Amino acid sequence: MSGLPYDLETPPGHKSGFVAVVGRPNVGKSTLVNSLVGQKIAIVSPKPQTTRNRILGILTLDEAQVVFVDTPGIHRPRHQLGKAMVAAATGALPDADVVMFMVDVSTPPTDEDRMIADLIRDQSTAPVILVLNKMDLLPAEKVKPHTAAYWDLAPYHREWMMTSATRGDNLDKLLAIIISLLPEGPRYYPGDQVTDQTEREIAAELIREQVLRYTRQEVPHAVAVLVEEFKERENGVVYVSATVFVEKESQKGIIIGKKGQMLRQIGAAARREIERMVGGQVYLDLWVKVRKNWRRDERELRRLGYAVG
């Protein structure tokens, strides 16, 4: 995480820096980053391991520029994609100015939470904020034992905040803590930029989000989306051609559905999300193809846009 200062004409005392958001899958990292940035820059789903690459969410205020690094959930990987996801997450730690260690406080710590706490200790010297998320799901009788267990687990140089990313509880207080811990410095990105992703990359993720929404069992984890074409036509309509890759013929059949009904449903929902992003009309061409065992093939992972090695 590095970059040249974008704007040297910032006021005295201006703060800026990179905030690595780390935690196990499905603790609400992307929901939190979207809420803090004030715009949807990362897809969300109840299914674990939704986020697969590092995504920057950039919040520019008069007094600070906060660059959130939304990372994949850290877990014990079972294939090359999983290894790439964990590498993307842990790679965000050494250069971070602040680390947000995010946990699901409605449940006690897991082995993965303990593993992440150890990783933070080993790979970062930055101040740590323990974010106890999903407070809205925390039973009253579990507040003290769960909070104490995470408090004991977290690295010692820490702040903490109880939050609900979905409801927005205490996010203003959390942001104030983040800014207080950032070093003084200039802006790294233009004030109107909210992410490092291109529209083509965001469109691919929005399509994958709808596949996650409408499919079950093993299908969501076996899906990758590649946008082949993204361009505005003379009539002002944005034309998007994308391919949904799966690992098995049976998964292809599930996504297409009876008489193509499932694919039409996914496509219609994805088109609406892309239209919201571009602020105009979209024509979406969606195809489904089989790439056997793509999650275990480094060459396929690179072709599909995942950082490997």
C-alpha atoms as a PDB file:
ATOM      1  CA  MET A   1       0.000   0.000   0.000  1.00  0.00           C
ATOM      2  CA  SER A   2       1.906   2.950  -1.230  1.00  0.00           C
ATOM      3  CA  GLY A   3       1.386   5.923  -3.435  1.00  0.00           C
ATOM      4  CA  LEU A   4       2.580   9.414  -4.213  1.00  0.00           C
ATOM      5  CA  PRO A   5       0.784  12.339  -2.546  1.00  0.00           C
ATOM      6  CA  TYR A   6      -1.985  13.542  -4.828  1.00  0.00           C
ATOM      7  CA  ASP A   7      -2.627  16.951  -3.285  1.00  0.00           C
ATOM      8  CA  LEU A   8       0.087  18.815  -1.447  1.00  0.00           C
ATOM      9  CA  GLU A   9      -2.218  21.790  -0.746  1.00  0.00           C
ATOM     10  CA  THR A  10      -3.864  20.252   2.283  1.00  0.00           C
ATOM     11  CA  PRO A  11      -4.454  22.250   5.467  1.00  0.00           C
ATOM     12  CA  PRO A  12      -2.020  22.077   8.398  1.00  0.00           C
ATOM     13  CA  GLY A  13      -2.625  19.032  10.542  1.00  0.00           C
ATOM     14  CA  HIS A  14      -4.304  17.110   7.709  1.00  0.00           C
ATOM     15  CA  LYS A  15      -4.204  13.359   8.304  1.00  0.00           C
ATOM     16  CA  SER A  16      -4.085  10.482   5.840  1.00  0.00           C
ATOM     17  CA  GLY A  17      -3.284   6.803   5.758  1.00  0.00           C
ATOM     18  CA  PHE A  18      -4.232   3.235   5.010  1.00  0.00           C
ATOM     19  CA  VAL A  19      -6.527   1.302   7.340  1.00  0.00           C
ATOM     20  CA  ALA A  20      -6.413  -2.493   6.909  1.00  0.00           C
ATOM     21  CA  VAL A  21      -9.766  -4.075   7.751  1.00  0.00           C
ATOM     22  CA  VAL A  22      -9.116  -7.717   8.677  1.00  0.00           C
ATOM     23  CA  GLY A  23     -11.123 -10.526  10.213  1.00  0.00           C
ATOM     24  CA  ARG A  24     -12.510 -13.964   9.513  1.00  0.00           C
ATOM     25  CA  PRO A  25     -15.152 -14.468   6.803  1.00  0.00           C
ATOM     26  CA  ASN A  26     -18.620 -12.994   7.271  1.00  0.00           C
ATOM     27  CA  VAL A  27     -17.966 -10.646  10.204  1.00  0.00           C
ATOM     28  CA  GLY A  28     -19.193  -7.619   8.215  1.00  0.00           C
ATOM     29  CA  LYS A  29     -16.003  -6.039   6.857  1.00  0.00           C
ATOM     30  CA  SER A  30     -17.431  -5.007   3.472  1.00  0.00           C
ATOM     31  CA  THR A  31     -20.675  -3.741   5.011  1.00  0.00           C
ATOM     32  CA  LEU A  32     -18.638  -1.610   7.405  1.00  0.00           C
ATOM     33  CA  VAL A  33     -16.410  -0.163   4.675  1.00  0.00           C
ATOM     34  CA  ASN A  34     -19.427   0.612   2.485  1.00  0.00           C
ATOM     35  CA  SER A  35     -21.110   2.364   5.423  1.00  0.00           C
ATOM     36  CA  LEU A  36     -18.037   4.415   6.354  1.00  0.00           C
ATOM     37  CA  VAL A  37     -17.306   5.447   2.764  1.00  0.00           C
ATOM     38  CA  GLY A  38     -20.992   6.234   2.214  1.00  0.00           C
ATOM     39  CA  GLN A  39     -21.179   4.314  -1.047  1.00  0.00           C
ATOM     40  CA  LYS A  40     -21.310   0.684  -2.146  1.00  0.00           C
ATOM     41  CA  ILE A  41     -17.796  -0.185  -3.276  1.00  0.00           C
ATOM     42  CA  ALA A  42     -17.750  -3.835  -2.155  1.00  0.00           C
ATOM     43  CA  ILE A  43     -20.407  -6.490  -2.666  1.00  0.00           C
ATOM     44  CA  VAL A  44     -22.018  -8.056   0.383  1.00  0.00           C
ATOM     45  CA  SER A  45     -23.673 -11.417   0.987  1.00  0.00           C
ATOM     46  CA  PRO A  46     -24.632 -13.593   3.964  1.00  0.00           C
ATOM     47  CA  LYS A  47     -22.395 -16.268   2.444  1.00  0.00           C
ATOM     48  CA  PRO A  48     -18.824 -16.426   3.789  1.00  0.00           C
ATOM     49  CA  GLN A  49     -15.803 -15.568   1.633  1.00  0.00           C
ATOM     50  CA  THR A  50     -17.740 -13.118  -0.536  1.00  0.00           C
ATOM     51  CA  THR A  51     -14.802 -10.696  -0.836  1.00  0.00           C
ATOM     52  CA  ARG A  52     -11.944 -12.241  -2.849  1.00  0.00           C
ATOM     53  CA  ASN A  53      -9.550  -9.363  -3.578  1.00  0.00           C
ATOM     54  CA  ARG A  54      -8.318  -6.349  -1.668  1.00  0.00           C
ATOM     55  CA  ILE A  55     -10.552  -3.348  -2.381  1.00  0.00           C
ATOM     56  CA  LEU A  56      -9.822   0.254  -1.457  1.00  0.00           C
ATOM     57  CA  GLY A  57     -12.599   2.423  -0.078  1.00  0.00           C
ATOM     58  CA  ILE A  58     -11.522   6.071   0.008  1.00  0.00           C
ATOM     59  CA  LEU A  59     -13.148   8.571   2.381  1.00  0.00           C
ATOM     60  CA  THR A  60     -12.031  12.179   1.885  1.00  0.00           C
ATOM     61  CA  LEU A  61     -12.936  14.760   4.520  1.00  0.00           C
ATOM     62  CA  ASP A  62     -11.674  18.300   5.051  1.00  0.00           C
ATOM     63  CA  GLU A  63      -9.376  17.166   7.848  1.00  0.00           C
ATOM     64  CA  ALA A  64      -8.373  13.690   6.644  1.00  0.00           C
ATOM     65  CA  GLN A  65      -8.292  11.124   3.857  1.00  0.00           C
ATOM     66  CA  VAL A  66      -8.931   7.610   5.138  1.00  0.00           C
ATOM     67  CA  VAL A  67      -8.084   4.768   2.744  1.00  0.00           C
ATOM     68  CA  PHE A  68      -9.838   1.621   3.949  1.00  0.00           C
ATOM     69  CA  VAL A  69      -8.383  -1.650   2.667  1.00  0.00           C
ATOM     70  CA  ASP A  70     -11.263  -4.137   2.635  1.00  0.00           C
ATOM     71  CA  THR A  71      -9.739  -7.620   2.674  1.00  0.00           C
ATOM     72  CA  PRO A  72     -10.973 -11.187   2.113  1.00  0.00           C
ATOM     73  CA  GLY A  73     -11.867 -13.115   5.238  1.00  0.00           C
ATOM     74  CA  ILE A  74      -8.853 -14.915   6.666  1.00  0.00           C
ATOM     75  CA  HIS A  75      -9.489 -18.663   6.849  1.00  0.00           C
ATOM     76  CA  ARG A  76      -7.702 -21.969   6.410  1.00  0.00           C
ATOM     77  CA  PRO A  77      -7.519 -22.299   2.617  1.00  0.00           C
ATOM     78  CA  ARG A  78      -8.414 -25.484   0.749  1.00  0.00           C
ATOM     79  CA  HIS A  79      -7.373 -24.463  -2.787  1.00  0.00           C
ATOM     80  CA  GLN A  80      -5.321 -21.894  -4.735  1.00  0.00           C
ATOM     81  CA  LEU A  81      -8.118 -19.314  -4.678  1.00  0.00           C
ATOM     82  CA  GLY A  82      -8.299 -19.599  -0.904  1.00  0.00           C
ATOM     83  CA  LYS A  83      -4.540 -19.178  -0.618  1.00  0.00           C
ATOM     84  CA  ALA A  84      -4.665 -16.092  -2.851  1.00  0.00           C
ATOM     85  CA  MET A  85      -7.464 -14.619  -0.715  1.00  0.00           C
ATOM     86  CA  VAL A  86      -5.573 -15.151   2.538  1.00  0.00           C
ATOM     87  CA  ALA A  87      -2.381 -13.736   0.981  1.00  0.00           C
ATOM     88  CA  ALA A  88      -4.317 -10.639  -0.128  1.00  0.00           C
ATOM     89  CA  ALA A  89      -5.599 -10.117   3.404  1.00  0.00           C
ATOM     90  CA  THR A  90      -2.339 -10.711   5.267  1.00  0.00           C
ATOM     91  CA  GLY A  91      -0.442  -8.637   2.688  1.00  0.00           C
ATOM     92  CA  ALA A  92      -2.399  -5.589   3.808  1.00  0.00           C
ATOM     93  CA  LEU A  93      -0.962  -5.714   7.328  1.00  0.00           C
ATOM     94  CA  PRO A  94       2.726  -4.700   7.111  1.00  0.00           C
ATOM     95  CA  ASP A  95       2.164  -1.309   5.450  1.00  0.00           C
ATOM     96  CA  ALA A  96      -1.056  -0.323   7.231  1.00  0.00           C
ATOM     97  CA  ASP A  97      -1.089   2.851   9.323  1.00  0.00           C
ATOM     98  CA  VAL A  98      -3.986   1.473  11.370  1.00  0.00           C
ATOM     99  CA  VAL A  99      -5.369  -2.079  11.647  1.00  0.00           C
ATOM    100  CA  MET A 100      -9.048  -2.726  12.306  1.00  0.00           C
ATOM    101  CA  PHE A 101      -9.413  -6.217  13.733  1.00  0.00           C
ATOM    102  CA  MET A 102     -13.079  -6.951  13.131  1.00  0.00           C
ATOM    103  CA  VAL A 103     -14.941  -9.717  14.947  1.00  0.00           C
ATOM    104  CA  ASP A 104     -18.507 -10.974  15.310  1.00  0.00           C
ATOM    105  CA  VAL A 105     -19.200 -10.187  18.965  1.00  0.00           C
ATOM    106  CA  SER A 106     -22.487 -12.129  18.907  1.00  0.00           C
ATOM    107  CA  THR A 107     -20.420 -15.334  19.023  1.00  0.00           C
ATOM    108  CA  PRO A 108     -17.346 -16.249  21.122  1.00  0.00           C
ATOM    109  CA  PRO A 109     -13.883 -16.206  19.488  1.00  0.00           C
ATOM    110  CA  THR A 110     -13.058 -19.006  17.066  1.00  0.00           C
ATOM    111  CA  ASP A 111      -9.734 -20.602  16.158  1.00  0.00           C
ATOM    112  CA  GLU A 112      -9.677 -18.342  13.080  1.00  0.00           C
ATOM    113  CA  ASP A 113     -10.040 -15.258  15.307  1.00  0.00           C
ATOM    114  CA  ARG A 114      -7.087 -16.448  17.362  1.00  0.00           C
ATOM    115  CA  MET A 115      -5.045 -17.100  14.229  1.00  0.00           C
ATOM    116  CA  ILE A 116      -5.779 -13.573  12.960  1.00  0.00           C
ATOM    117  CA  ALA A 117      -4.793 -12.024  16.295  1.00  0.00           C
ATOM    118  CA  ASP A 118      -1.453 -13.821  16.042  1.00  0.00           C
ATOM    119  CA  LEU A 119      -0.986 -12.643  12.442  1.00  0.00           C
ATOM    120  CA  ILE A 120      -1.571  -9.037  13.474  1.00  0.00           C
ATOM    121  CA  ARG A 121       0.995  -9.335  16.253  1.00  0.00           C
ATOM    122  CA  ASP A 122       3.538 -10.877  13.896  1.00  0.00           C
ATOM    123  CA  GLN A 123       3.063  -8.683  10.834  1.00  0.00           C
ATOM    124  CA  SER A 124       2.091  -5.216  12.020  1.00  0.00           C
ATOM    125  CA  THR A 125       3.361  -2.601  14.436  1.00  0.00           C
ATOM    126  CA  ALA A 126       0.461  -0.241  13.695  1.00  0.00           C
ATOM    127  CA  PRO A 127      -2.146   0.684  16.305  1.00  0.00           C
ATOM    128  CA  VAL A 128      -5.035  -1.784  16.379  1.00  0.00           C
ATOM    129  CA  ILE A 129      -8.741  -1.056  16.755  1.00  0.00           C
ATOM    130  CA  LEU A 130     -10.791  -4.011  17.961  1.00  0.00           C
ATOM    131  CA  VAL A 131     -14.167  -3.658  16.192  1.00  0.00           C
ATOM    132  CA  LEU A 132     -16.807  -5.706  17.989  1.00  0.00           C
ATOM    133  CA  ASN A 133     -19.382  -5.872  15.204  1.00  0.00           C
ATOM    134  CA  LYS A 134     -22.950  -7.274  15.151  1.00  0.00           C
ATOM    135  CA  MET A 135     -23.782  -5.809  18.556  1.00  0.00           C
ATOM    136  CA  ASP A 136     -27.437  -5.884  17.473  1.00  0.00           C
ATOM    137  CA  LEU A 137     -27.272  -9.707  17.550  1.00  0.00           C
ATOM    138  CA  LEU A 138     -25.496  -9.931  20.932  1.00  0.00           C
ATOM    139  CA  PRO A 139     -27.706 -11.359  23.728  1.00  0.00           C
ATOM    140  CA  ALA A 140     -27.568  -9.241  26.892  1.00  0.00           C
ATOM    141  CA  GLU A 141     -26.270 -12.124  29.014  1.00  0.00           C
ATOM    142  CA  LYS A 142     -23.365 -12.650  26.580  1.00  0.00           C
ATOM    143  CA  VAL A 143     -22.100  -9.039  26.512  1.00  0.00           C
ATOM    144  CA  LYS A 144     -19.522  -9.409  29.299  1.00  0.00           C
ATOM    145  CA  PRO A 145     -18.135 -12.889  28.493  1.00  0.00           C
ATOM    146  CA  HIS A 146     -17.876 -12.293  24.735  1.00  0.00           C
ATOM    147  CA  THR A 147     -16.371  -8.821  25.106  1.00  0.00           C
ATOM    148  CA  ALA A 148     -13.840 -10.049  27.671  1.00  0.00           C
ATOM    149  CA  ALA A 149     -12.837 -13.003  25.480  1.00  0.00           C
ATOM    150  CA  TYR A 150     -12.115 -10.764  22.485  1.00  0.00           C
ATOM    151  CA  TRP A 151     -10.411  -8.189  24.686  1.00  0.00           C
ATOM    152  CA  ASP A 152      -7.988 -10.859  25.934  1.00  0.00           C
ATOM    153  CA  LEU A 153      -7.406 -12.041  22.377  1.00  0.00           C
ATOM    154  CA  ALA A 154      -6.663  -8.702  20.719  1.00  0.00           C
ATOM    155  CA  PRO A 155      -3.131  -7.291  20.387  1.00  0.00           C
ATOM    156  CA  TYR A 156      -2.241  -5.110  23.339  1.00  0.00           C
ATOM    157  CA  HIS A 157      -1.736  -1.761  21.518  1.00  0.00           C
ATOM    158  CA  ARG A 158      -5.416  -1.265  20.842  1.00  0.00           C
ATOM    159  CA  GLU A 159      -8.527   0.881  20.910  1.00  0.00           C
ATOM    160  CA  TRP A 160     -11.983  -0.698  20.671  1.00  0.00           C
ATOM    161  CA  MET A 161     -15.556   0.010  19.619  1.00  0.00           C
ATOM    162  CA  MET A 162     -18.820  -1.939  19.686  1.00  0.00           C
ATOM    163  CA  THR A 163     -20.652  -1.504  16.362  1.00  0.00           C
ATOM    164  CA  SER A 164     -23.439  -2.654  14.105  1.00  0.00           C
ATOM    165  CA  ALA A 165     -22.366  -2.069  10.513  1.00  0.00           C
ATOM    166  CA  THR A 166     -25.840  -2.879   9.180  1.00  0.00           C
ATOM    167  CA  ARG A 167     -27.626  -0.413  11.497  1.00  0.00           C
ATOM    168  CA  GLY A 168     -24.812   2.149  11.634  1.00  0.00           C
ATOM    169  CA  ASP A 169     -24.408   2.058  15.428  1.00  0.00           C
ATOM    170  CA  ASN A 170     -21.289   3.895  16.694  1.00  0.00           C
ATOM    171  CA  LEU A 171     -19.734   4.286  13.223  1.00  0.00           C
ATOM    172  CA  ASP A 172     -19.212   8.013  13.858  1.00  0.00           C
ATOM    173  CA  LYS A 173     -17.325   7.197  17.048  1.00  0.00           C
ATOM    174  CA  LEU A 174     -15.296   4.518  15.251  1.00  0.00           C
ATOM    175  CA  LEU A 175     -14.353   6.968  12.495  1.00  0.00           C
ATOM    176  CA  ALA A 176     -13.216   9.526  15.080  1.00  0.00           C
ATOM    177  CA  ILE A 177     -10.908   6.901  16.639  1.00  0.00           C
ATOM    178  CA  ILE A 178      -9.496   5.972  13.217  1.00  0.00           C
ATOM    179  CA  ILE A 179      -8.712   9.582  12.314  1.00  0.00           C
ATOM    180  CA  SER A 180      -7.095  10.204  15.713  1.00  0.00           C
ATOM    181  CA  LEU A 181      -4.655   7.336  15.040  1.00  0.00           C
ATOM    182  CA  LEU A 182      -3.672   8.337  11.483  1.00  0.00           C
ATOM    183  CA  PRO A 183      -0.403  10.168  10.831  1.00  0.00           C
ATOM    184  CA  GLU A 184      -0.311  13.653   9.377  1.00  0.00           C
ATOM    185  CA  GLY A 185       0.057  13.672   5.603  1.00  0.00           C
ATOM    186  CA  PRO A 186      -1.353  14.739   2.236  1.00  0.00           C
ATOM    187  CA  ARG A 187      -4.077  13.142   0.171  1.00  0.00           C
ATOM    188  CA  TYR A 188      -3.110  10.048  -1.816  1.00  0.00           C
ATOM    189  CA  TYR A 189      -6.154  10.140  -4.122  1.00  0.00           C
ATOM    190  CA  PRO A 190      -8.366  12.800  -5.719  1.00  0.00           C
ATOM    191  CA  GLY A 191     -11.054  14.029  -3.360  1.00  0.00           C
ATOM    192  CA  ASP A 192     -13.885  12.635  -5.494  1.00  0.00           C
ATOM    193  CA  GLN A 193     -12.419   9.116  -5.877  1.00  0.00           C
ATOM    194  CA  VAL A 194     -14.085   6.464  -3.680  1.00  0.00           C
ATOM    195  CA  THR A 195     -12.355   3.262  -4.815  1.00  0.00           C
ATOM    196  CA  ASP A 196      -9.449   1.908  -6.843  1.00  0.00           C
ATOM    197  CA  GLN A 197     -11.709  -0.406  -8.837  1.00  0.00           C
ATOM    198  CA  THR A 198     -12.685   0.272 -12.443  1.00  0.00           C
ATOM    199  CA  GLU A 199     -16.340   0.249 -13.503  1.00  0.00           C
ATOM    200  CA  ARG A 200     -15.655  -2.995 -15.370  1.00  0.00           C
ATOM    201  CA  GLU A 201     -14.335  -4.647 -12.182  1.00  0.00           C
ATOM    202  CA  ILE A 202     -17.257  -3.381 -10.118  1.00  0.00           C
ATOM    203  CA  ALA A 203     -19.725  -4.632 -12.736  1.00  0.00           C
ATOM    204  CA  ALA A 204     -18.203  -8.130 -12.542  1.00  0.00           C
ATOM    205  CA  GLU A 205     -18.587  -8.120  -8.766  1.00  0.00           C
ATOM    206  CA  LEU A 206     -22.178  -6.864  -8.953  1.00  0.00           C
ATOM    207  CA  ILE A 207     -23.024  -9.785 -11.233  1.00  0.00           C
ATOM    208  CA  ARG A 208     -21.314 -12.237  -8.863  1.00  0.00           C
ATOM    209  CA  GLU A 209     -23.256 -10.715  -5.969  1.00  0.00           C
ATOM    210  CA  GLN A 210     -26.521 -11.666  -7.647  1.00  0.00           C
ATOM    211  CA  VAL A 211     -25.289 -15.202  -8.322  1.00  0.00           C
ATOM    212  CA  LEU A 212     -24.526 -15.449  -4.588  1.00  0.00           C
ATOM    213  CA  ARG A 213     -28.003 -14.126  -3.832  1.00  0.00           C
ATOM    214  CA  TYR A 214     -29.934 -16.561  -5.991  1.00  0.00           C
ATOM    215  CA  THR A 215     -27.927 -19.801  -5.762  1.00  0.00           C
ATOM    216  CA  ARG A 216     -27.266 -22.278  -2.959  1.00  0.00           C
ATOM    217  CA  GLN A 217     -24.951 -25.050  -1.746  1.00  0.00           C
ATOM    218  CA  GLU A 218     -21.616 -25.342  -3.568  1.00  0.00           C
ATOM    219  CA  VAL A 219     -22.487 -23.084  -6.508  1.00  0.00           C
ATOM    220  CA  PRO A 220     -21.604 -19.611  -5.075  1.00  0.00           C
ATOM    221  CA  HIS A 221     -18.034 -20.541  -4.147  1.00  0.00           C
ATOM    222  CA  ALA A 222     -17.419 -22.097  -7.589  1.00  0.00           C
ATOM    223  CA  VAL A 223     -18.391 -18.921  -9.488  1.00  0.00           C
ATOM    224  CA  ALA A 224     -16.170 -16.290 -11.069  1.00  0.00           C
ATOM    225  CA  VAL A 225     -17.282 -13.480 -13.382  1.00  0.00           C
ATOM    226  CA  LEU A 226     -15.284 -11.887 -16.189  1.00  0.00           C
ATOM    227  CA  VAL A 227     -16.576  -8.787 -17.990  1.00  0.00           C
ATOM    228  CA  GLU A 228     -15.479  -9.122 -21.617  1.00  0.00           C
ATOM    229  CA  GLU A 229     -16.871  -5.800 -22.857  1.00  0.00           C
ATOM    230  CA  PHE A 230     -17.975  -2.592 -21.150  1.00  0.00           C
ATOM    231  CA  LYS A 231     -18.662   0.406 -23.380  1.00  0.00           C
ATOM    232  CA  GLU A 232     -21.163   3.184 -23.945  1.00  0.00           C
ATOM    233  CA  ARG A 233     -22.917   3.047 -27.290  1.00  0.00           C
ATOM    234  CA  GLU A 234     -23.941   6.040 -29.417  1.00  0.00           C
ATOM    235  CA  ASN A 235     -27.482   5.935 -28.026  1.00  0.00           C
ATOM    236  CA  GLY A 236     -26.117   6.362 -24.483  1.00  0.00           C
ATOM    237  CA  VAL A 237     -26.803   2.785 -23.395  1.00  0.00           C
ATOM    238  CA  VAL A 238     -23.893   1.062 -21.646  1.00  0.00           C
ATOM    239  CA  TYR A 239     -23.318  -2.371 -23.189  1.00  0.00           C
ATOM    240  CA  VAL A 240     -21.899  -5.008 -20.847  1.00  0.00           C
ATOM    241  CA  SER A 241     -20.954  -8.520 -21.949  1.00  0.00           C
ATOM    242  CA  ALA A 242     -19.935 -10.870 -19.146  1.00  0.00           C
ATOM    243  CA  THR A 243     -19.252 -14.560 -18.613  1.00  0.00           C
ATOM    244  CA  VAL A 244     -20.061 -16.469 -15.438  1.00  0.00           C
ATOM    245  CA  PHE A 245     -17.546 -19.301 -14.971  1.00  0.00           C
ATOM    246  CA  VAL A 246     -18.323 -22.409 -12.930  1.00  0.00           C
ATOM    247  CA  GLU A 247     -16.456 -25.664 -12.315  1.00  0.00           C
ATOM    248  CA  LYS A 248     -19.097 -28.261 -13.251  1.00  0.00           C
ATOM    249  CA  GLU A 249     -21.801 -28.807 -15.859  1.00  0.00           C
ATOM    250  CA  SER A 250     -24.303 -29.337 -13.029  1.00  0.00           C
ATOM    251  CA  GLN A 251     -23.487 -25.859 -11.653  1.00  0.00           C
ATOM    252  CA  LYS A 252     -23.961 -24.376 -15.118  1.00  0.00           C
ATOM    253  CA  GLY A 253     -27.397 -25.978 -15.266  1.00  0.00           C
ATOM    254  CA  ILE A 254     -28.364 -24.520 -11.887  1.00  0.00           C
ATOM    255  CA  ILE A 255     -27.345 -20.985 -12.879  1.00  0.00           C
ATOM    256  CA  ILE A 256     -29.137 -21.146 -16.229  1.00  0.00           C
ATOM    257  CA  GLY A 257     -32.204 -22.738 -14.658  1.00  0.00           C
ATOM    258  CA  LYS A 258     -35.289 -24.211 -16.286  1.00  0.00           C
ATOM    259  CA  LYS A 259     -35.724 -22.578 -19.709  1.00  0.00           C
ATOM    260  CA  GLY A 260     -33.116 -19.978 -18.709  1.00  0.00           C
ATOM    261  CA  GLN A 261     -35.283 -18.556 -15.936  1.00  0.00           C
ATOM    262  CA  MET A 262     -32.557 -18.377 -13.243  1.00  0.00           C
ATOM    263  CA  LEU A 263     -30.060 -16.671 -15.560  1.00  0.00           C
ATOM    264  CA  ARG A 264     -32.691 -14.090 -16.567  1.00  0.00           C
ATOM    265  CA  GLN A 265     -33.425 -13.418 -12.898  1.00  0.00           C
ATOM    266  CA  ILE A 266     -29.735 -13.000 -12.056  1.00  0.00           C
ATOM    267  CA  GLY A 267     -29.194 -10.829 -15.135  1.00  0.00           C
ATOM    268  CA  ALA A 268     -32.141  -8.524 -14.409  1.00  0.00           C
ATOM    269  CA  ALA A 269     -31.027  -7.961 -10.806  1.00  0.00           C
ATOM    270  CA  ALA A 270     -27.386  -7.401 -11.835  1.00  0.00           C
ATOM    271  CA  ARG A 271     -28.436  -4.974 -14.589  1.00  0.00           C
ATOM    272  CA  ARG A 272     -30.336  -2.859 -12.063  1.00  0.00           C
ATOM    273  CA  GLU A 273     -27.273  -2.700  -9.805  1.00  0.00           C
ATOM    274  CA  ILE A 274     -24.992  -1.745 -12.710  1.00  0.00           C
ATOM    275  CA  GLU A 275     -27.484   0.909 -13.830  1.00  0.00           C
ATOM    276  CA  ARG A 276     -27.398   2.358 -10.314  1.00  0.00           C
ATOM    277  CA  MET A 277     -23.596   2.503 -10.549  1.00  0.00           C
ATOM    278  CA  VAL A 278     -23.375   4.148 -13.996  1.00  0.00           C
ATOM    279  CA  GLY A 279     -26.462   6.333 -13.572  1.00  0.00           C
ATOM    280  CA  GLY A 280     -27.994   5.274 -16.877  1.00  0.00           C
ATOM    281  CA  GLN A 281     -29.432   2.482 -18.992  1.00  0.00           C
ATOM    282  CA  VAL A 282     -27.518  -0.798 -19.309  1.00  0.00           C
ATOM    283  CA  TYR A 283     -27.821  -3.706 -21.725  1.00  0.00           C
ATOM    284  CA  LEU A 284     -26.348  -6.819 -20.121  1.00  0.00           C
ATOM    285  CA  ASP A 285     -25.344  -9.915 -22.116  1.00  0.00           C
ATOM    286  CA  LEU A 286     -24.711 -12.785 -19.713  1.00  0.00           C
ATOM    287  CA  TRP A 287     -23.178 -16.158 -20.576  1.00  0.00           C
ATOM    288  CA  VAL A 288     -22.271 -19.227 -18.491  1.00  0.00           C
ATOM    289  CA  LYS A 289     -19.236 -21.434 -19.180  1.00  0.00           C
ATOM    290  CA  VAL A 290     -17.485 -24.323 -17.430  1.00  0.00           C
ATOM    291  CA  ARG A 291     -13.817 -24.048 -16.425  1.00  0.00           C
ATOM    292  CA  LYS A 292     -13.065 -27.238 -14.528  1.00  0.00           C
ATOM    293  CA  ASN A 293     -11.245 -26.729 -11.213  1.00  0.00           C
ATOM    294  CA  TRP A 294     -10.452 -23.066 -11.943  1.00  0.00           C
ATOM    295  CA  ARG A 295     -10.060 -22.382  -8.210  1.00  0.00           C
ATOM    296  CA  ARG A 296      -7.058 -24.755  -8.128  1.00  0.00           C
ATOM    297  CA  ASP A 297      -5.352 -23.446 -11.289  1.00  0.00           C
ATOM    298  CA  GLU A 298      -3.015 -20.453 -10.886  1.00  0.00           C
ATOM    299  CA  ARG A 299      -3.153 -19.635 -14.601  1.00  0.00           C
ATOM    300  CA  GLU A 300      -6.969 -19.557 -14.565  1.00  0.00           C
ATOM    301  CA  LEU A 301      -6.963 -17.453 -11.397  1.00  0.00           C
ATOM    302  CA  ARG A 302      -4.722 -14.848 -13.033  1.00  0.00           C
ATOM    303  CA  ARG A 303      -6.873 -14.813 -16.161  1.00  0.00           C
ATOM    304  CA  LEU A 304      -9.929 -14.163 -14.001  1.00  0.00           C
ATOM    305  CA  GLY A 305      -8.232 -11.236 -12.288  1.00  0.00           C
ATOM    306  CA  TYR A 306      -7.164 -12.744  -8.959  1.00  0.00           C
ATOM    307  CA  ALA A 307      -3.803 -11.817  -7.477  1.00  0.00           C
ATOM    308  CA  VAL A 308      -1.689 -14.977  -7.257  1.00  0.00           C
ATOM    309  CA  GLY A 309       1.876 -15.298  -6.058  1.00  0.00           C
END
